[in-house]
């Protein structure tokens, strides 16, 4: 299978979409994806999202445990990109928070090498920059099979794609992990420039190099103007303790 790198997916998912998806704003929070009570649309994605073609053995679903809903992505010898086009000033809403749970990692995945660059968990914040998509920047947050947590660098496939490895290996498989990043600060450190407006968020998963499979769950993806710990009851509902 020919790989379509996320750089190309930016064009497919964002620049051919007709309108910016609406985002719920509550208590200085911009909600990207809560998935609570949602159903997949006829194209097989949550409302407001776009995706590439899905392989026969891969799947996207919205599942739930009691009152907790989440996005479930299974990737079997495939690459899957889910994108939501949004637009806002990241200086005003710098904090990105989400929960994720990996249950299966690609065999031998390692972001440091192009031949093994595949991960179960990839969350990209996309910054369109003219002329797009050639100059479009992105900051990615990664759950890698082998690269160590804390590593940051530049994609081997696309020089304007930077990343930070947040989780590594299988030690925390099947556990909900809460993440929070200051995207504004990360962008400045990684690109050494002021960021343009955010243009979208993309969730990416790929296993086509190893011809293996990976599985990831996402919940409660949102941007906020203040650190999540300062958002009181709203944050407690959105980002519960790791399970």
Protein backbone atom coordinates (compact mmCIF):
# COMPACT_ATOMS: atom_id res chain seq x y z
CA UNK A 1 0.00 0.00 0.00
CA UNK A 2 1.32 3.41 -0.90
CA UNK A 3 1.68 5.66 2.12
CA UNK A 4 0.01 9.05 2.20
CA UNK A 5 1.99 11.08 4.71
CA UNK A 6 0.14 13.49 7.00
CA UNK A 7 1.39 16.42 4.91
CA UNK A 8 -0.76 15.24 2.03
CA UNK A 9 -3.59 14.43 4.40
CA UNK A 10 -3.63 18.09 5.52
CA UNK A 11 -4.60 19.03 1.98
CA UNK A 12 -7.18 16.26 1.65
CA UNK A 13 -8.82 16.82 5.01
CA UNK A 14 -8.61 20.57 5.50
CA UNK A 15 -8.24 22.52 2.27
CA UNK A 16 -11.04 20.77 0.41
CA UNK A 17 -13.56 21.28 3.19
CA UNK A 18 -16.10 23.98 2.52
CA UNK A 19 -16.45 25.50 5.96
CA UNK A 20 -14.84 25.73 9.36
CA UNK A 21 -16.47 23.38 11.83
CA UNK A 22 -18.24 25.09 14.71
CA UNK A 23 -16.72 24.65 18.14
CA UNK A 24 -18.60 24.77 21.40
CA UNK A 25 -17.25 27.44 23.72
CA UNK A 26 -17.90 26.98 27.41
CA UNK A 27 -16.08 28.70 30.28
CA UNK A 28 -13.12 29.73 28.12
CA UNK A 29 -12.96 26.27 26.56
CA UNK A 30 -13.09 25.38 22.84
CA UNK A 31 -14.33 21.81 22.51
CA UNK A 32 -12.83 19.87 19.58
CA UNK A 33 -14.30 16.46 20.37
CA UNK A 34 -16.29 15.24 23.35
CA UNK A 35 -18.06 12.37 21.55
CA UNK A 36 -20.69 12.16 24.30
CA UNK A 37 -24.03 11.12 22.85
CA UNK A 38 -22.77 11.50 19.25
CA UNK A 39 -23.30 9.04 16.44
CA UNK A 40 -21.16 8.50 13.39
CA UNK A 41 -22.43 10.29 10.29
CA UNK A 42 -23.15 8.44 7.05
CA UNK A 43 -19.51 8.90 5.98
CA UNK A 44 -18.42 6.98 9.09
CA UNK A 45 -16.96 9.84 11.13
CA UNK A 46 -18.10 11.96 14.11
CA UNK A 47 -20.02 15.16 13.25
CA UNK A 48 -17.75 17.88 11.90
CA UNK A 49 -14.85 15.56 11.04
CA UNK A 50 -13.44 14.30 7.72
CA UNK A 51 -11.33 11.23 6.98
CA UNK A 52 -9.44 9.43 4.23
CA UNK A 53 -10.66 6.12 2.81
CA UNK A 54 -10.78 3.30 5.35
CA UNK A 55 -9.34 -0.17 4.76
CA UNK A 56 -11.64 -3.18 4.91
CA UNK A 57 -10.33 -4.41 8.27
CA UNK A 58 -9.98 -1.04 10.00
CA UNK A 59 -12.80 0.68 11.84
CA UNK A 60 -13.94 3.89 13.51
CA UNK A 61 -16.63 3.85 16.18
CA UNK A 62 -18.03 5.81 19.08
CA UNK A 63 -18.18 3.57 22.13
CA UNK A 64 -19.10 4.07 25.75
CA UNK A 65 -18.50 2.77 29.23
CA UNK A 66 -21.36 3.74 31.55
CA UNK A 67 -21.69 7.51 30.87
CA UNK A 68 -18.20 7.92 29.41
CA UNK A 69 -18.07 8.14 25.59
CA UNK A 70 -15.00 7.98 23.41
CA UNK A 71 -13.76 7.66 19.84
CA UNK A 72 -12.44 4.19 19.01
CA UNK A 73 -10.01 3.71 16.08
CA UNK A 74 -8.66 0.34 14.90
CA UNK A 75 -6.01 0.39 12.16
CA UNK A 76 -5.10 -2.87 10.40
CA UNK A 77 -2.26 -2.58 7.83
CA UNK A 78 -3.62 0.86 7.05
CA UNK A 79 -3.29 4.60 7.60
CA UNK A 80 -6.21 6.59 8.99
CA UNK A 81 -6.47 10.37 9.24
CA UNK A 82 -9.38 12.11 10.93
CA UNK A 83 -9.40 15.89 10.61
CA UNK A 84 -11.53 18.70 11.99
CA UNK A 85 -11.13 22.14 10.45
CA UNK A 86 -11.20 24.91 13.06
CA UNK A 87 -9.79 28.42 13.23
CA UNK A 88 -8.66 30.46 16.23
CA UNK A 89 -5.70 32.30 17.73
CA UNK A 90 -3.65 29.79 19.73
CA UNK A 91 -2.23 32.64 21.80
CA UNK A 92 -5.72 33.10 23.26
CA UNK A 93 -6.39 29.38 23.74
CA UNK A 94 -2.92 27.86 24.14
CA UNK A 95 -3.73 24.77 26.20
CA UNK A 96 -4.69 21.53 24.46
CA UNK A 97 -6.05 18.74 26.65
CA UNK A 98 -7.32 15.27 25.85
CA UNK A 99 -7.56 11.72 27.14
CA UNK A 100 -6.33 8.70 25.24
CA UNK A 101 -5.97 4.97 25.78
CA UNK A 102 -3.88 2.73 23.56
CA UNK A 103 -4.64 -0.98 23.57
CA UNK A 104 -2.34 -2.07 20.72
CA UNK A 105 0.85 -0.53 19.27
CA UNK A 106 2.38 -1.04 15.80
CA UNK A 107 5.10 -3.67 15.81
CA UNK A 108 8.50 -1.97 15.79
CA UNK A 109 7.11 1.53 15.32
CA UNK A 110 9.73 4.25 15.78
CA UNK A 111 9.21 7.87 14.73
CA UNK A 112 12.96 8.42 14.38
CA UNK A 113 13.18 6.34 11.19
CA UNK A 114 11.10 6.85 8.06
CA UNK A 115 10.78 3.11 7.43
CA UNK A 116 9.30 2.52 10.90
CA UNK A 117 7.45 5.81 11.36
CA UNK A 118 4.07 4.54 12.55
CA UNK A 119 2.24 5.10 15.82
CA UNK A 120 -1.08 4.28 17.42
CA UNK A 121 -1.52 7.74 18.94
CA UNK A 122 -0.88 10.90 16.94
CA UNK A 123 -2.59 14.24 17.66
CA UNK A 124 -1.61 17.08 15.31
CA UNK A 125 -2.44 20.76 15.61
CA UNK A 126 -2.30 22.21 12.10
CA UNK A 127 -1.20 25.78 11.31
CA UNK A 128 -1.92 26.73 7.66
CA UNK A 129 0.65 29.12 6.24
CA UNK A 130 0.59 30.56 2.71
CA UNK A 131 1.21 29.06 0.26
CA UNK A 132 -0.63 26.06 1.70
CA UNK A 133 -0.14 23.18 2.05
CA UNK A 134 3.58 23.52 1.19
CA UNK A 135 4.31 25.85 4.12
CA UNK A 136 1.70 24.49 6.52
CA UNK A 137 3.18 23.73 9.92
CA UNK A 138 2.01 21.18 12.43
CA UNK A 139 2.83 20.19 16.01
CA UNK A 140 2.23 16.53 16.79
CA UNK A 141 1.86 14.72 20.12
CA UNK A 142 2.85 11.08 19.87
CA UNK A 143 2.39 7.70 21.57
CA UNK A 144 5.30 5.75 20.07
CA UNK A 145 6.22 2.08 20.32
CA UNK A 146 9.95 2.67 20.92
CA UNK A 147 11.04 6.33 20.84
CA UNK A 148 11.45 7.62 24.42
CA UNK A 149 8.94 9.92 26.08
CA UNK A 150 10.18 13.51 26.11
CA UNK A 151 11.85 13.24 22.71
CA UNK A 152 11.05 16.07 20.29
CA UNK A 153 12.09 16.45 16.70
CA UNK A 154 11.21 16.87 13.03
CA UNK A 155 9.32 14.33 10.94
CA UNK A 156 11.51 12.30 8.57
CA UNK A 157 8.77 12.70 5.94
CA UNK A 158 7.92 16.40 6.20
CA UNK A 159 10.22 19.16 7.48
CA UNK A 160 7.37 21.40 8.66
CA UNK A 161 5.96 18.70 10.90
CA UNK A 162 7.40 18.77 14.42
CA UNK A 163 6.55 16.35 17.20
CA UNK A 164 6.85 15.62 20.92
CA UNK A 165 6.70 12.03 22.19
CA UNK A 166 4.44 11.96 25.25
CA UNK A 167 4.02 8.20 25.79
CA UNK A 168 6.28 5.33 24.84
CA UNK A 169 5.93 1.58 24.80
CA UNK A 170 3.37 -0.76 26.29
CA UNK A 171 3.69 -0.06 30.03
CA UNK A 172 0.51 2.02 30.08
CA UNK A 173 -1.57 0.09 27.57
CA UNK A 174 -5.29 -0.15 28.38
CA UNK A 175 -5.10 2.81 30.78
CA UNK A 176 -6.76 6.17 30.23
CA UNK A 177 -4.05 8.86 30.25
CA UNK A 178 -4.84 12.56 30.59
CA UNK A 179 -2.62 14.94 28.63
CA UNK A 180 -2.28 18.74 28.63
CA UNK A 181 0.12 20.78 26.50
CA UNK A 182 0.78 24.47 25.96
CA UNK A 183 0.67 24.40 22.16
CA UNK A 184 1.69 28.05 21.86
CA UNK A 185 4.91 27.40 23.80
CA UNK A 186 5.57 24.13 21.97
CA UNK A 187 5.19 25.82 18.58
CA UNK A 188 7.61 28.61 19.52
CA UNK A 189 10.22 26.16 20.80
CA UNK A 190 9.95 23.82 17.82
CA UNK A 191 9.71 26.39 15.00
CA UNK A 192 11.47 29.39 16.55
CA UNK A 193 8.74 31.74 15.33
CA UNK A 194 5.33 33.07 16.26
CA UNK A 195 2.51 30.72 15.24
CA UNK A 196 -0.13 31.62 12.66
CA UNK A 197 -3.76 30.83 13.43
CA UNK A 198 -4.72 27.23 14.09
CA UNK A 199 -6.46 25.71 11.05
CA UNK A 200 -7.42 22.30 12.36
CA UNK A 201 -6.76 19.23 14.46
CA UNK A 202 -5.89 15.84 12.99
CA UNK A 203 -5.85 12.39 14.58
CA UNK A 204 -3.58 10.01 12.66
CA UNK A 205 -2.76 6.30 13.07
CA UNK A 206 -0.73 4.11 10.73
CA UNK A 207 0.55 0.54 10.56
CA UNK A 208 1.28 0.01 6.87
CA UNK A 209 5.06 -0.33 7.24
CA UNK A 210 4.91 -3.25 9.65
CA UNK A 211 1.65 -4.60 8.19
CA UNK A 212 0.48 -4.96 11.79
CA UNK A 213 -2.38 -3.37 13.71
CA UNK A 214 -2.88 -0.64 16.29
CA UNK A 215 -5.79 0.52 18.40
CA UNK A 216 -6.43 3.83 20.18
CA UNK A 217 -9.28 5.55 22.03
CA UNK A 218 -9.78 9.34 22.40
CA UNK A 219 -12.02 11.43 24.65
CA UNK A 220 -12.51 15.03 25.72
CA UNK A 221 -10.30 16.94 23.26
CA UNK A 222 -10.40 20.68 23.93
CA UNK A 223 -8.43 23.92 23.95
CA UNK A 224 -8.58 26.33 26.88
CA UNK A 225 -7.37 29.80 27.74
CA UNK A 226 -6.13 28.67 31.16
CA UNK A 227 -4.33 25.55 32.38
CA UNK A 228 -6.87 22.70 32.76
CA UNK A 229 -6.32 22.48 36.52
CA UNK A 230 -7.70 26.01 36.89
CA UNK A 231 -10.99 25.32 35.08
CA UNK A 232 -12.82 23.93 38.09
CA UNK A 233 -15.86 21.70 37.70
CA UNK A 234 -15.82 21.89 33.91
CA UNK A 235 -12.33 20.43 33.68
CA UNK A 236 -13.14 17.78 36.27
CA UNK A 237 -15.99 16.63 34.05
CA UNK A 238 -13.95 16.79 30.85
CA UNK A 239 -10.64 15.36 32.02
CA UNK A 240 -11.20 12.89 34.80
CA UNK A 241 -8.29 11.24 36.54
CA UNK A 242 -6.38 8.61 34.60
CA UNK A 243 -8.09 5.26 34.87
